[in-house]
């Protein structure tokens, strides 16, 4: 059994994993779960920022975090009283 890890394959797997979570986060935001107080918007943003910081060192291709960073940008700039699309 080969014990070497292919960094590109690992990075691709992490990117796929993150993409699933981005979709889940977008769904929660679109359904108003974050907007209507079930989940505090500022706490949600802080949680996602911390997650990015923790994951960044293990991701070879930082472009894998692009969609998560775009989601954060949308959360930060959207008006608090409107649903995010």
N, C-alpha and C. Protein backbone atom coordinates (compact mmCIF):
# COMPACT_ATOMS: atom_id res chain seq x y z
N UNK A 1 0.84 -1.18 0.00
CA UNK A 1 0.00 0.00 0.00
C UNK A 1 0.88 1.24 0.00
N UNK A 2 0.61 2.14 -0.92
CA UNK A 2 1.36 3.39 -1.03
C UNK A 2 0.88 4.37 0.03
N UNK A 3 1.79 4.85 0.87
CA UNK A 3 1.40 5.74 1.95
C UNK A 3 1.59 7.20 1.60
N UNK A 4 2.06 7.49 0.38
CA UNK A 4 2.20 8.88 -0.04
C UNK A 4 0.83 9.44 -0.38
N UNK A 5 0.62 10.67 0.02
CA UNK A 5 -0.64 11.34 -0.25
C UNK A 5 -0.43 12.31 -1.41
N UNK A 6 -1.29 12.22 -2.40
CA UNK A 6 -1.23 13.13 -3.53
C UNK A 6 -1.83 14.47 -3.10
N UNK A 7 -1.03 15.53 -3.00
CA UNK A 7 -1.54 16.82 -2.53
C UNK A 7 -2.67 17.38 -3.39
N UNK A 8 -2.60 17.16 -4.70
CA UNK A 8 -3.65 17.67 -5.58
C UNK A 8 -4.96 16.92 -5.35
N UNK A 9 -4.88 15.63 -5.15
CA UNK A 9 -6.09 14.85 -4.89
C UNK A 9 -6.71 15.24 -3.55
N UNK A 10 -5.87 15.45 -2.56
CA UNK A 10 -6.35 15.86 -1.25
C UNK A 10 -7.00 17.24 -1.32
N UNK A 11 -6.36 18.15 -2.03
CA UNK A 11 -6.91 19.49 -2.19
C UNK A 11 -8.25 19.45 -2.93
N UNK A 12 -8.35 18.60 -3.94
CA UNK A 12 -9.61 18.47 -4.68
C UNK A 12 -10.71 17.89 -3.79
N UNK A 13 -10.36 16.94 -2.95
CA UNK A 13 -11.35 16.37 -2.03
C UNK A 13 -11.84 17.41 -1.03
N UNK A 14 -10.93 18.22 -0.53
CA UNK A 14 -11.31 19.27 0.41
C UNK A 14 -12.19 20.30 -0.29
N UNK A 15 -11.86 20.65 -1.53
CA UNK A 15 -12.67 21.61 -2.28
C UNK A 15 -14.09 21.09 -2.48
N UNK A 16 -14.23 19.82 -2.78
CA UNK A 16 -15.56 19.23 -2.93
C UNK A 16 -16.33 19.25 -1.63
N UNK A 17 -15.66 18.94 -0.56
CA UNK A 17 -16.27 18.98 0.77
C UNK A 17 -16.75 20.39 1.10
N UNK A 18 -15.90 21.38 0.82
CA UNK A 18 -16.27 22.77 1.08
C UNK A 18 -17.44 23.22 0.21
N UNK A 19 -17.46 22.77 -1.03
CA UNK A 19 -18.55 23.14 -1.93
C UNK A 19 -19.90 22.66 -1.37
N UNK A 20 -19.92 21.48 -0.80
CA UNK A 20 -21.15 20.97 -0.19
C UNK A 20 -21.60 21.86 0.96
N UNK A 21 -20.64 22.31 1.75
CA UNK A 21 -20.98 23.16 2.89
C UNK A 21 -21.40 24.56 2.45
N UNK A 22 -20.81 25.05 1.38
CA UNK A 22 -21.22 26.35 0.86
C UNK A 22 -22.68 26.27 0.42
N UNK A 23 -23.03 25.20 -0.26
CA UNK A 23 -24.42 25.04 -0.69
C UNK A 23 -25.36 24.97 0.50
N UNK A 24 -24.96 24.28 1.55
CA UNK A 24 -25.79 24.20 2.76
C UNK A 24 -25.94 25.58 3.39
N UNK A 25 -24.85 26.32 3.47
CA UNK A 25 -24.90 27.67 4.05
C UNK A 25 -25.78 28.58 3.22
N UNK A 26 -25.65 28.51 1.91
CA UNK A 26 -26.49 29.34 1.04
C UNK A 26 -27.97 29.00 1.24
N UNK A 27 -28.27 27.73 1.37
CA UNK A 27 -29.66 27.32 1.60
C UNK A 27 -30.18 27.92 2.91
N UNK A 28 -29.38 27.83 3.97
CA UNK A 28 -29.80 28.38 5.26
C UNK A 28 -30.05 29.88 5.17
N UNK A 29 -29.19 30.57 4.45
CA UNK A 29 -29.37 32.01 4.30
C UNK A 29 -30.60 32.32 3.46
N UNK A 30 -30.78 31.63 2.36
CA UNK A 30 -31.92 31.87 1.47
C UNK A 30 -33.25 31.55 2.15
N UNK A 31 -33.27 30.56 3.01
CA UNK A 31 -34.50 30.19 3.69
C UNK A 31 -34.78 31.06 4.91
N UNK A 32 -33.88 31.99 5.19
CA UNK A 32 -34.10 32.91 6.29
C UNK A 32 -33.67 32.40 7.65
N UNK A 33 -33.05 31.25 7.71
CA UNK A 33 -32.63 30.70 8.99
C UNK A 33 -31.61 31.63 9.65
N UNK A 34 -30.72 32.21 8.85
CA UNK A 34 -29.72 33.12 9.39
C UNK A 34 -30.33 34.50 9.59
N UNK A 35 -31.17 34.95 8.68
CA UNK A 35 -31.73 36.29 8.74
C UNK A 35 -32.76 36.48 9.86
N UNK A 36 -33.57 35.51 10.13
CA UNK A 36 -34.70 35.68 11.02
C UNK A 36 -34.39 35.36 12.48
N UNK A 37 -33.15 35.24 12.81
CA UNK A 37 -32.80 35.10 14.21
C UNK A 37 -32.61 33.69 14.72
N UNK A 38 -32.87 32.67 13.92
CA UNK A 38 -32.62 31.30 14.37
C UNK A 38 -31.11 31.14 14.59
N UNK A 39 -30.35 31.68 13.67
CA UNK A 39 -28.89 31.73 13.79
C UNK A 39 -28.49 33.19 13.69
N UNK A 40 -27.76 33.69 14.66
CA UNK A 40 -27.31 35.08 14.65
C UNK A 40 -26.34 35.31 13.49
N UNK A 41 -26.63 36.30 12.69
CA UNK A 41 -25.84 36.58 11.49
C UNK A 41 -24.37 36.82 11.81
N UNK A 42 -24.09 37.65 12.81
CA UNK A 42 -22.69 37.97 13.14
C UNK A 42 -21.94 36.75 13.67
N UNK A 43 -22.62 35.92 14.44
CA UNK A 43 -21.99 34.69 14.93
C UNK A 43 -21.72 33.72 13.79
N UNK A 44 -22.63 33.67 12.83
CA UNK A 44 -22.48 32.81 11.66
C UNK A 44 -21.27 33.25 10.84
N UNK A 45 -21.14 34.56 10.62
CA UNK A 45 -20.00 35.09 9.88
C UNK A 45 -18.69 34.77 10.62
N UNK A 46 -18.67 34.99 11.93
CA UNK A 46 -17.47 34.71 12.72
C UNK A 46 -17.11 33.23 12.66
N UNK A 47 -18.12 32.37 12.70
CA UNK A 47 -17.87 30.93 12.63
C UNK A 47 -17.24 30.56 11.28
N UNK A 48 -17.79 31.08 10.20
CA UNK A 48 -17.25 30.78 8.88
C UNK A 48 -15.84 31.33 8.71
N UNK A 49 -15.58 32.52 9.23
CA UNK A 49 -14.23 33.09 9.16
C UNK A 49 -13.22 32.21 9.92
N UNK A 50 -13.60 31.76 11.09
CA UNK A 50 -12.72 30.89 11.87
C UNK A 50 -12.48 29.57 11.15
N UNK A 51 -13.52 29.03 10.52
CA UNK A 51 -13.37 27.78 9.78
C UNK A 51 -12.39 27.93 8.63
N UNK A 52 -12.46 29.05 7.92
CA UNK A 52 -11.53 29.30 6.81
C UNK A 52 -10.10 29.36 7.34
N UNK A 53 -9.91 30.07 8.44
CA UNK A 53 -8.57 30.19 9.02
C UNK A 53 -8.01 28.83 9.42
N UNK A 54 -8.85 27.98 10.01
CA UNK A 54 -8.40 26.66 10.45
C UNK A 54 -8.08 25.75 9.28
N UNK A 55 -8.84 25.86 8.18
CA UNK A 55 -8.66 24.96 7.05
C UNK A 55 -7.56 25.40 6.10
N UNK A 56 -7.29 26.70 6.04
CA UNK A 56 -6.35 27.24 5.06
C UNK A 56 -4.99 26.56 5.03
N UNK A 57 -4.36 26.29 6.17
CA UNK A 57 -3.03 25.68 6.11
C UNK A 57 -3.00 24.31 5.41
N UNK A 58 -4.08 23.57 5.44
CA UNK A 58 -4.10 22.24 4.85
C UNK A 58 -4.52 22.20 3.40
N UNK A 59 -4.84 23.34 2.83
CA UNK A 59 -5.31 23.39 1.44
C UNK A 59 -4.20 23.96 0.57
N UNK A 60 -3.74 23.14 -0.35
CA UNK A 60 -2.65 23.55 -1.23
C UNK A 60 -3.08 24.65 -2.19
N UNK A 61 -4.23 24.48 -2.81
CA UNK A 61 -4.74 25.45 -3.79
C UNK A 61 -5.78 26.32 -3.10
N UNK A 62 -5.41 27.54 -2.78
CA UNK A 62 -6.29 28.44 -2.02
C UNK A 62 -7.55 28.82 -2.79
N UNK A 63 -7.58 28.55 -4.09
CA UNK A 63 -8.80 28.82 -4.86
C UNK A 63 -9.96 27.95 -4.39
N UNK A 64 -9.65 26.88 -3.70
CA UNK A 64 -10.70 26.00 -3.18
C UNK A 64 -11.58 26.74 -2.17
N UNK A 65 -11.04 27.79 -1.57
CA UNK A 65 -11.80 28.56 -0.58
C UNK A 65 -12.57 29.72 -1.20
N UNK A 66 -12.47 29.90 -2.50
CA UNK A 66 -13.09 31.04 -3.17
C UNK A 66 -14.58 31.14 -2.92
N UNK A 67 -15.31 30.06 -3.11
CA UNK A 67 -16.77 30.13 -2.96
C UNK A 67 -17.18 30.42 -1.52
N UNK A 68 -16.43 29.91 -0.57
CA UNK A 68 -16.73 30.20 0.84
C UNK A 68 -16.45 31.67 1.15
N UNK A 69 -15.39 32.22 0.58
CA UNK A 69 -15.08 33.64 0.79
C UNK A 69 -16.13 34.53 0.14
N UNK A 70 -16.63 34.13 -1.02
CA UNK A 70 -17.71 34.89 -1.69
C UNK A 70 -18.98 34.87 -0.85
N UNK A 71 -19.29 33.73 -0.25
CA UNK A 71 -20.45 33.64 0.62
C UNK A 71 -20.30 34.61 1.79
N UNK A 72 -19.12 34.66 2.38
CA UNK A 72 -18.85 35.59 3.48
C UNK A 72 -19.01 37.03 3.03
N UNK A 73 -18.50 37.36 1.85
CA UNK A 73 -18.64 38.72 1.34
C UNK A 73 -20.12 39.09 1.20
N UNK A 74 -20.91 38.15 0.71
CA UNK A 74 -22.35 38.40 0.58
C UNK A 74 -23.03 38.60 1.92
N UNK A 75 -22.65 37.82 2.89
CA UNK A 75 -23.23 37.96 4.23
C UNK A 75 -22.86 39.31 4.85
N UNK A 76 -21.64 39.74 4.64
CA UNK A 76 -21.18 41.00 5.24
C UNK A 76 -21.84 42.21 4.61
N UNK A 77 -22.08 42.18 3.31
CA UNK A 77 -22.55 43.37 2.60
C UNK A 77 -24.05 43.44 2.42
N UNK A 78 -24.77 42.36 2.60
CA UNK A 78 -26.22 42.37 2.40
C UNK A 78 -26.90 43.12 3.54
N UNK A 79 -27.95 43.85 3.22
CA UNK A 79 -28.72 44.51 4.27
C UNK A 79 -29.28 43.48 5.25
N UNK A 80 -29.29 43.82 6.50
CA UNK A 80 -29.73 42.89 7.54
C UNK A 80 -31.20 42.56 7.46
N UNK A 81 -32.00 43.43 6.85
CA UNK A 81 -33.44 43.20 6.84
C UNK A 81 -33.96 42.57 5.55
N UNK A 82 -33.07 42.20 4.63
CA UNK A 82 -33.50 41.58 3.37
C UNK A 82 -32.98 40.14 3.31
N UNK A 83 -33.76 39.29 2.66
CA UNK A 83 -33.31 37.92 2.44
C UNK A 83 -32.18 37.93 1.42
N UNK A 84 -31.17 37.12 1.63
CA UNK A 84 -30.06 37.02 0.70
C UNK A 84 -30.40 36.05 -0.41
N UNK A 85 -30.03 36.38 -1.61
CA UNK A 85 -30.27 35.51 -2.75
C UNK A 85 -28.96 35.07 -3.34
